[in-house]
């Protein structure tokens, strides 16, 4: 794997570390709903999907 792809994955890991950190999660832990779904669940799943998509893009470029 190229060095720059490794660096991008490390940066993504730090972003996810901050995003899944408890103080950030507590910002979204409210009693409000968005289309009937708690805001915390939307935040968690959107961050997870974001991480999967970005990882896929980075790794797809590596294997081409």
Protein backbone atom coordinates (compact mmCIF):
# COMPACT_ATOMS: atom_id res chain seq x y z
CA UNK A 1 0.00 0.00 0.00
CA UNK A 2 1.30 3.42 -0.85
CA UNK A 3 2.32 5.75 1.90
CA UNK A 4 -0.25 8.40 1.02
CA UNK A 5 -3.10 5.86 1.19
CA UNK A 6 -1.91 4.80 4.62
CA UNK A 7 -1.82 8.44 5.68
CA UNK A 8 -5.38 8.97 4.47
CA UNK A 9 -6.57 5.95 6.44
CA UNK A 10 -4.78 7.21 9.56
CA UNK A 11 -6.46 10.61 9.20
CA UNK A 12 -9.82 8.87 8.74
CA UNK A 13 -9.16 6.85 11.91
CA UNK A 14 -8.49 10.02 13.92
CA UNK A 15 -11.65 11.65 12.57
CA UNK A 16 -13.64 8.58 13.60
CA UNK A 17 -11.96 8.52 17.00
CA UNK A 18 -13.13 12.08 17.58
CA UNK A 19 -16.55 11.42 16.07
CA UNK A 20 -17.26 8.39 18.24
CA UNK A 21 -15.87 10.03 21.38
CA UNK A 22 -18.30 10.34 24.29
CA UNK A 23 -18.45 14.17 24.55
CA UNK A 24 -19.36 14.40 20.85
CA UNK A 25 -21.95 11.64 21.22
CA UNK A 26 -23.53 13.45 24.15
CA UNK A 27 -24.15 16.46 21.90
CA UNK A 28 -26.53 14.32 19.83
CA UNK A 29 -28.12 12.51 22.78
CA UNK A 30 -31.29 14.57 22.91
CA UNK A 31 -34.94 13.66 23.10
CA UNK A 32 -35.62 15.04 19.62
CA UNK A 33 -36.52 12.89 16.64
CA UNK A 34 -35.96 13.23 12.91
CA UNK A 35 -38.62 11.39 10.89
CA UNK A 36 -39.36 9.30 13.97
CA UNK A 37 -35.75 8.20 14.48
CA UNK A 38 -33.65 9.50 17.41
CA UNK A 39 -30.97 11.97 16.35
CA UNK A 40 -28.23 9.92 18.05
CA UNK A 41 -28.99 6.90 15.85
CA UNK A 42 -28.93 9.01 12.71
CA UNK A 43 -25.58 10.49 13.74
CA UNK A 44 -24.04 7.09 14.53
CA UNK A 45 -25.20 5.37 11.36
CA UNK A 46 -24.34 8.32 9.10
CA UNK A 47 -20.82 8.48 10.58
CA UNK A 48 -20.46 4.72 10.11
CA UNK A 49 -21.66 4.86 6.49
CA UNK A 50 -19.35 7.84 5.86
CA UNK A 51 -16.38 5.86 7.17
CA UNK A 52 -17.21 2.81 5.05
CA UNK A 53 -17.60 4.90 1.89
CA UNK A 54 -14.37 6.86 2.40
CA UNK A 55 -12.44 3.68 3.22
CA UNK A 56 -13.82 2.01 0.10
CA UNK A 57 -12.79 4.96 -2.08
CA UNK A 58 -9.28 5.04 -0.64
CA UNK A 59 -8.76 1.29 -0.97
CA UNK A 60 -10.30 1.13 -4.45
CA UNK A 61 -7.73 3.63 -5.71
CA UNK A 62 -4.98 1.51 -4.21
CA UNK A 63 -5.96 -1.65 -6.07
CA UNK A 64 -6.34 0.02 -9.49
